[in-house]
Amino acid sequence: MQFLRFRCQKTKQFFDSNFYNTPQGLADVWTSTVQAACPYCREEHEIKIREAFLIDTLSTQIAIASHRSSSGASAETAPIS
């Protein structure tokens, strides 16, 4: 299971949520909308699940891209959907 990361609609800062799912499970709720309390603007945001990032997946993609660029390899990675 991985926690979802959302983006504040006002400040554009990312925040971790208490919602979690698996990459495969997201397909079942892809068009759903959730209410998430934002720690930056202190408001509740209505956010579509498809706008969320899976924290572990995003972190892994960044680590792979960083490693590739520091080793001289291409930094291209598959898009995260």
N, C-alpha and C. Protein backbone atom coordinates (compact mmCIF):
# COMPACT_ATOMS: atom_id res chain seq x y z
N MET A 1 0.83 -1.18 0.00
CA MET A 1 0.00 0.00 0.00
C MET A 1 0.88 1.25 0.00
N GLN A 2 0.40 2.26 -0.69
CA GLN A 2 1.13 3.51 -0.78
C GLN A 2 0.19 4.67 -0.48
N PHE A 3 0.72 5.67 0.22
CA PHE A 3 -0.07 6.86 0.51
C PHE A 3 -0.11 7.76 -0.71
N LEU A 4 -1.19 8.53 -0.82
CA LEU A 4 -1.35 9.45 -1.94
C LEU A 4 -0.87 10.84 -1.54
N ARG A 5 -0.26 11.53 -2.46
CA ARG A 5 0.19 12.91 -2.26
C ARG A 5 -0.68 13.79 -3.15
N PHE A 6 -1.21 14.86 -2.56
CA PHE A 6 -2.05 15.80 -3.29
C PHE A 6 -1.36 17.15 -3.40
N ARG A 7 -1.91 18.02 -4.22
CA ARG A 7 -1.37 19.36 -4.38
C ARG A 7 -2.42 20.39 -3.96
N CYS A 8 -2.01 21.32 -3.11
CA CYS A 8 -2.91 22.37 -2.65
C CYS A 8 -3.33 23.20 -3.86
N GLN A 9 -4.63 23.44 -3.98
CA GLN A 9 -5.14 24.18 -5.12
C GLN A 9 -4.83 25.66 -5.04
N LYS A 10 -4.51 26.16 -3.85
CA LYS A 10 -4.20 27.58 -3.69
C LYS A 10 -2.69 27.84 -3.70
N THR A 11 -1.94 27.09 -2.89
CA THR A 11 -0.50 27.36 -2.75
C THR A 11 0.35 26.56 -3.72
N LYS A 12 -0.24 25.54 -4.33
CA LYS A 12 0.43 24.64 -5.26
C LYS A 12 1.49 23.76 -4.59
N GLN A 13 1.50 23.71 -3.26
CA GLN A 13 2.44 22.86 -2.54
C GLN A 13 1.86 21.46 -2.40
N PHE A 14 2.73 20.46 -2.41
CA PHE A 14 2.30 19.08 -2.26
C PHE A 14 2.17 18.73 -0.79
N PHE A 15 1.17 17.90 -0.46
CA PHE A 15 1.02 17.41 0.91
C PHE A 15 0.60 15.95 0.88
N ASP A 16 1.09 15.24 1.88
CA ASP A 16 0.76 13.82 2.00
C ASP A 16 -0.62 13.68 2.64
N SER A 17 -1.34 12.70 2.18
CA SER A 17 -2.69 12.48 2.70
C SER A 17 -2.71 11.22 3.56
N ASN A 18 -3.85 10.97 4.17
CA ASN A 18 -4.02 9.72 4.89
C ASN A 18 -4.74 8.68 4.02
N PHE A 19 -4.87 8.97 2.73
CA PHE A 19 -5.46 8.03 1.78
C PHE A 19 -4.34 7.16 1.21
N TYR A 20 -4.61 5.89 1.09
CA TYR A 20 -3.61 5.02 0.51
C TYR A 20 -4.27 4.01 -0.41
N ASN A 21 -3.48 3.48 -1.31
CA ASN A 21 -3.97 2.50 -2.26
C ASN A 21 -2.78 1.83 -2.91
N THR A 22 -3.06 0.89 -3.76
CA THR A 22 -2.03 0.25 -4.56
C THR A 22 -2.15 0.82 -5.97
N PRO A 23 -1.09 0.76 -6.75
CA PRO A 23 -1.22 1.24 -8.14
C PRO A 23 -2.36 0.55 -8.89
N GLN A 24 -2.54 -0.75 -8.66
CA GLN A 24 -3.61 -1.48 -9.34
C GLN A 24 -4.99 -1.06 -8.81
N GLY A 25 -5.08 -0.79 -7.51
CA GLY A 25 -6.35 -0.40 -6.91
C GLY A 25 -6.83 0.97 -7.36
N LEU A 26 -5.90 1.81 -7.78
CA LEU A 26 -6.29 3.15 -8.24
C LEU A 26 -7.17 3.09 -9.48
N ALA A 27 -7.00 2.07 -10.28
CA ALA A 27 -7.81 1.94 -11.49
C ALA A 27 -9.31 1.87 -11.14
N ASP A 28 -9.62 1.26 -10.00
CA ASP A 28 -11.02 1.12 -9.58
C ASP A 28 -11.63 2.44 -9.10
N VAL A 29 -10.80 3.36 -8.61
CA VAL A 29 -11.31 4.62 -8.06
C VAL A 29 -10.79 5.83 -8.81
N TRP A 30 -10.26 5.62 -9.99
CA TRP A 30 -9.58 6.66 -10.77
C TRP A 30 -10.43 7.92 -10.98
N THR A 31 -11.73 7.76 -11.16
CA THR A 31 -12.60 8.91 -11.41
C THR A 31 -13.27 9.44 -10.14
N SER A 32 -12.95 8.86 -9.00
CA SER A 32 -13.54 9.30 -7.72
C SER A 32 -12.94 10.62 -7.27
N THR A 33 -13.67 11.29 -6.39
CA THR A 33 -13.23 12.54 -5.78
C THR A 33 -13.23 12.37 -4.27
N VAL A 34 -12.24 12.94 -3.59
CA VAL A 34 -12.15 12.85 -2.14
C VAL A 34 -12.00 14.25 -1.54
N GLN A 35 -12.32 14.37 -0.27
CA GLN A 35 -12.08 15.60 0.48
C GLN A 35 -10.78 15.40 1.25
N ALA A 36 -9.87 16.36 1.13
CA ALA A 36 -8.59 16.27 1.83
C ALA A 36 -8.32 17.58 2.55
N ALA A 37 -7.95 17.48 3.82
CA ALA A 37 -7.61 18.66 4.61
C ALA A 37 -6.19 19.11 4.26
N CYS A 38 -6.04 20.35 3.84
CA CYS A 38 -4.75 20.87 3.42
C CYS A 38 -4.03 21.54 4.60
N PRO A 39 -2.79 21.13 4.86
CA PRO A 39 -2.05 21.74 5.97
C PRO A 39 -1.51 23.13 5.63
N TYR A 40 -1.54 23.52 4.37
CA TYR A 40 -0.96 24.81 3.96
C TYR A 40 -1.98 25.94 4.02
N CYS A 41 -3.14 25.76 3.40
CA CYS A 41 -4.14 26.82 3.42
C CYS A 41 -5.23 26.56 4.45
N ARG A 42 -5.15 25.40 5.12
CA ARG A 42 -6.09 25.03 6.19
C ARG A 42 -7.53 24.88 5.71
N GLU A 43 -7.70 24.57 4.43
CA GLU A 43 -9.04 24.35 3.89
C GLU A 43 -9.19 22.91 3.44
N GLU A 44 -10.43 22.51 3.24
CA GLU A 44 -10.72 21.19 2.67
C GLU A 44 -10.74 21.34 1.15
N HIS A 45 -10.01 20.49 0.48
CA HIS A 45 -10.01 20.51 -0.98
C HIS A 45 -10.76 19.29 -1.50
N GLU A 46 -11.52 19.48 -2.54
CA GLU A 46 -12.13 18.37 -3.25
C GLU A 46 -11.17 18.03 -4.38
N ILE A 47 -10.59 16.84 -4.30
CA ILE A 47 -9.52 16.46 -5.23
C ILE A 47 -9.86 15.16 -5.92
N LYS A 48 -9.66 15.13 -7.21
CA LYS A 48 -9.87 13.90 -7.98
C LYS A 48 -8.68 12.97 -7.74
N ILE A 49 -8.98 11.70 -7.54
CA ILE A 49 -7.93 10.72 -7.30
C ILE A 49 -6.90 10.74 -8.43
N ARG A 50 -7.35 10.94 -9.65
CA ARG A 50 -6.41 10.92 -10.78
C ARG A 50 -5.40 12.06 -10.72
N GLU A 51 -5.62 13.06 -9.83
CA GLU A 51 -4.67 14.15 -9.67
C GLU A 51 -3.62 13.86 -8.59
N ALA A 52 -3.75 12.71 -7.93
CA ALA A 52 -2.84 12.35 -6.84
C ALA A 52 -1.60 11.64 -7.37
N PHE A 53 -0.55 11.72 -6.58
CA PHE A 53 0.68 10.97 -6.84
C PHE A 53 0.77 9.89 -5.79
N LEU A 54 1.25 8.73 -6.18
CA LEU A 54 1.57 7.72 -5.20
C LEU A 54 2.96 8.06 -4.66
N ILE A 55 3.07 8.30 -3.38
CA ILE A 55 4.32 8.79 -2.79
C ILE A 55 5.50 7.87 -3.10
N ASP A 56 5.38 6.58 -2.84
CA ASP A 56 6.51 5.67 -3.08
C ASP A 56 6.87 5.59 -4.55
N THR A 57 5.88 5.59 -5.42
CA THR A 57 6.13 5.51 -6.86
C THR A 57 6.85 6.76 -7.33
N LEU A 58 6.39 7.92 -6.89
CA LEU A 58 7.02 9.17 -7.27
C LEU A 58 8.45 9.22 -6.77
N SER A 59 8.67 8.84 -5.51
CA SER A 59 10.01 8.85 -4.94
C SER A 59 10.94 7.91 -5.70
N THR A 60 10.44 6.75 -6.07
CA THR A 60 11.24 5.79 -6.83
C THR A 60 11.61 6.36 -8.19
N GLN A 61 10.66 6.99 -8.87
CA GLN A 61 10.93 7.57 -10.19
C GLN A 61 11.97 8.68 -10.09
N ILE A 62 11.91 9.51 -9.06
CA ILE A 62 12.88 10.58 -8.88
C ILE A 62 14.25 9.99 -8.61
N ALA A 63 14.33 8.96 -7.77
CA ALA A 63 15.61 8.33 -7.46
C ALA A 63 16.23 7.70 -8.71
N ILE A 64 15.41 7.06 -9.53
CA ILE A 64 15.91 6.45 -10.77
C ILE A 64 16.43 7.53 -11.70
N ALA A 65 15.67 8.61 -11.86
CA ALA A 65 16.09 9.70 -12.74
C ALA A 65 17.38 10.35 -12.23
N SER A 66 17.49 10.54 -10.93
CA SER A 66 18.70 11.14 -10.36
C SER A 66 19.91 10.25 -10.58
N HIS A 67 19.73 8.97 -10.37
CA HIS A 67 20.83 8.02 -10.57
C HIS A 67 21.28 8.01 -12.02
N ARG A 68 20.32 7.99 -12.93
CA ARG A 68 20.65 7.96 -14.35
C ARG A 68 21.40 9.21 -14.78
N SER A 69 20.96 10.38 -14.30
CA SER A 69 21.62 11.61 -14.73
C SER A 69 23.00 11.75 -14.10
N SER A 70 23.18 11.23 -12.88
CA SER A 70 24.50 11.32 -12.25
C SER A 70 25.47 10.30 -12.83
N SER A 71 24.95 9.22 -13.42
CA SER A 71 25.83 8.22 -14.02
C SER A 71 26.04 8.46 -15.51
N GLY A 72 25.43 9.54 -16.02
CA GLY A 72 25.60 9.87 -17.43
C GLY A 72 24.59 9.20 -18.34
N ALA A 73 23.74 8.36 -17.80
CA ALA A 73 22.71 7.69 -18.61
C ALA A 73 21.54 8.64 -18.83
N SER A 74 20.68 8.28 -19.73
CA SER A 74 19.50 9.09 -20.03
C SER A 74 18.62 9.18 -18.79
N ALA A 75 18.09 10.36 -18.52
CA ALA A 75 17.22 10.57 -17.36
C ALA A 75 15.76 10.33 -17.70
N GLU A 76 15.46 9.83 -18.89
CA GLU A 76 14.07 9.59 -19.26
C GLU A 76 13.50 8.45 -18.45
N THR A 77 12.29 8.62 -17.99
CA THR A 77 11.57 7.55 -17.30
C THR A 77 10.18 7.46 -17.89
N ALA A 78 9.54 6.34 -17.67
CA ALA A 78 8.17 6.17 -18.14
C ALA A 78 7.29 7.12 -17.36
N PRO A 79 6.28 7.69 -17.99
CA PRO A 79 5.37 8.59 -17.27
C PRO A 79 4.63 7.86 -16.18
N ILE A 80 4.36 8.54 -15.08
CA ILE A 80 3.58 7.96 -13.99
C ILE A 80 2.12 8.25 -14.27
N SER A 81 1.32 7.20 -14.37
CA SER A 81 -0.09 7.43 -14.62
C SER A 81 -0.91 7.08 -13.44
